[in-house]
C-alpha atoms as a PDB file:
ATOM      1  CA  MET A   1     -24.536  33.122  35.308  1.00  0.00           C
ATOM      2  CA  LYS A   2     -25.204  31.576  31.290  1.00  0.00           C
ATOM      3  CA  LEU A   3     -21.541  31.323  31.270  1.00  0.00           C
ATOM      4  CA  ARG A   4     -21.150  29.237  34.363  1.00  0.00           C
ATOM      5  CA  ASN A   5     -24.200  26.741  33.407  1.00  0.00           C
ATOM      6  CA  LEU A   6     -23.024  26.405  30.103  1.00  0.00           C
ATOM      7  CA  PHE A   7     -19.473  24.980  31.661  1.00  0.00           C
ATOM      8  CA  LYS A   8     -21.305  23.233  33.961  1.00  0.00           C
ATOM      9  CA  SER A   9     -22.794  21.235  31.424  1.00  0.00           C
ATOM     10  CA  PHE A  10     -19.802  21.061  29.196  1.00  0.00           C
ATOM     11  CA  ARG A  11     -17.946  19.403  32.292  1.00  0.00           C
ATOM     12  CA  ALA A  12     -21.044  17.043  33.296  1.00  0.00           C
ATOM     13  CA  ASP A  13     -21.131  15.594  29.073  1.00  0.00           C
ATOM     14  CA  GLU A  14     -19.599  12.349  28.602  1.00  0.00           C
ATOM     15  CA  SER A  15     -20.778  11.824  25.371  1.00  0.00           C
ATOM     16  CA  GLY A  16     -17.307  11.469  23.820  1.00  0.00           C
ATOM     17  CA  ALA A  17     -15.764   9.097  26.444  1.00  0.00           C
ATOM     18  CA  VAL A  18     -16.625   5.546  25.201  1.00  0.00           C
ATOM     19  CA  THR A  19     -15.234   6.649  21.597  1.00  0.00           C
ATOM     20  CA  VAL A  20     -11.965   7.600  23.562  1.00  0.00           C
ATOM     21  CA  ASP A  21     -12.138   4.302  25.144  1.00  0.00           C
ATOM     22  CA  TRP A  22     -12.503   1.859  22.392  1.00  0.00           C
ATOM     23  CA  VAL A  23     -10.039   3.912  20.537  1.00  0.00           C
ATOM     24  CA  VAL A  24      -7.698   3.300  23.167  1.00  0.00           C
ATOM     25  CA  LEU A  25      -8.798  -0.482  23.726  1.00  0.00           C
ATOM     26  CA  THR A  26      -8.139  -1.333  19.901  1.00  0.00           C
ATOM     27  CA  ALA A  27      -5.030   0.788  19.551  1.00  0.00           C
ATOM     28  CA  ALA A  28      -3.354  -1.758  22.427  1.00  0.00           C
ATOM     29  CA  ILE A  29      -4.979  -4.792  20.832  1.00  0.00           C
ATOM     30  CA  VAL A  30      -3.442  -4.324  17.347  1.00  0.00           C
ATOM     31  CA  GLY A  31      -0.137  -3.413  19.079  1.00  0.00           C
ATOM     32  CA  LEU A  32      -0.284  -6.424  21.269  1.00  0.00           C
ATOM     33  CA  GLY A  33      -0.648  -8.487  17.638  1.00  0.00           C
ATOM     34  CA  ILE A  34       2.153  -6.741  16.205  1.00  0.00           C
ATOM     35  CA  VAL A  35       4.207  -7.991  19.193  1.00  0.00           C
ATOM     36  CA  VAL A  36       3.336 -11.294  19.154  1.00  0.00           C
ATOM     37  CA  MET A  37       3.304 -11.475  15.330  1.00  0.00           C
ATOM     38  CA  ASN A  38       7.156 -10.147  15.431  1.00  0.00           C
ATOM     39  CA  THR A  39       8.233 -12.535  18.366  1.00  0.00           C
ATOM     40  CA  VAL A  40       6.457 -15.494  17.002  1.00  0.00           C
ATOM     41  CA  GLY A  41       6.891 -14.889  12.680  1.00  0.00           C
ATOM     42  CA  GLY A  42      10.473 -15.932  11.953  1.00  0.00           C
ATOM     43  CA  ALA A  43       9.466 -19.508  14.006  1.00  0.00           C
ATOM     44  CA  ILE A  44       6.745 -19.959  11.462  1.00  0.00           C
ATOM     45  CA  THR A  45       9.039 -18.771   8.439  1.00  0.00           C
ATOM     46  CA  GLY A  46      11.610 -21.694   9.559  1.00  0.00           C
ATOM     47  CA  LEU A  47       9.138 -24.062  10.054  1.00  0.00           C
ATOM     48  CA  GLY A  48       7.265 -23.601   6.912  1.00  0.00           C
ATOM     49  CA  ASP A  49      10.992 -23.925   5.039  1.00  0.00           C
ATOM     50  CA  GLU A  50      11.153 -26.978   6.870  1.00  0.00           C
ATOM     51  CA  ILE A  51       8.363 -28.104   5.671  1.00  0.00           C
ATOM     52  CA  VAL A  52       8.916 -27.534   1.635  1.00  0.00           C
ATOM     53  CA  THR A  53      12.165 -29.070   1.917  1.00  0.00           C
ATOM     54  CA  ASP A  54      10.367 -32.338   3.280  1.00  0.00           C
ATOM     55  CA  MET A  55       8.049 -32.521   1.014  1.00  0.00           C
ATOM     56  CA  THR A  56      10.255 -31.956  -1.818  1.00  0.00           C
ATOM     57  CA  ALA A  57      12.380 -34.824  -1.119  1.00  0.00           C
ATOM     58  CA  MET A  58       9.214 -36.976  -0.896  1.00  0.00           C
ATOM     59  CA  ASN A  59       8.260 -39.159  -3.544  1.00  0.00           C
ATOM     60  CA  SER A  60       4.564 -39.016  -4.981  1.00  0.00           C
ATOM     61  CA  GLY A  61       3.798 -42.534  -6.339  1.00  0.00           C
ATOM     62  CA  TYR A  62       2.814 -41.686  -9.557  1.00  0.00           C
ATOM     63  CA  GLY A  63       4.867 -41.707 -12.370  1.00  0.00           C
ATOM     64  CA  ASN A  64       7.997 -43.342 -13.027  1.00  0.00           C
ATOM     65  CA  ASN A  65       9.509 -43.097  -9.573  1.00  0.00           C
ATOM     66  CA  PRO A  66      11.829 -45.925  -8.795  1.00  0.00           C
END
């Protein structure tokens, strides 16, 4: 009878369920972030390169610029 009660209490115990939920939720958020960065990352790099090109072509207004 003790073994049966031990099994029932083990089956009813949910102390680790919340931890498992948080681990799954965190993994999903990290995975979603990676997908978004892979999707948008190339466009961000291209836009940054365009900004650098435009800024290097501008005169600063200081010095002996014509």
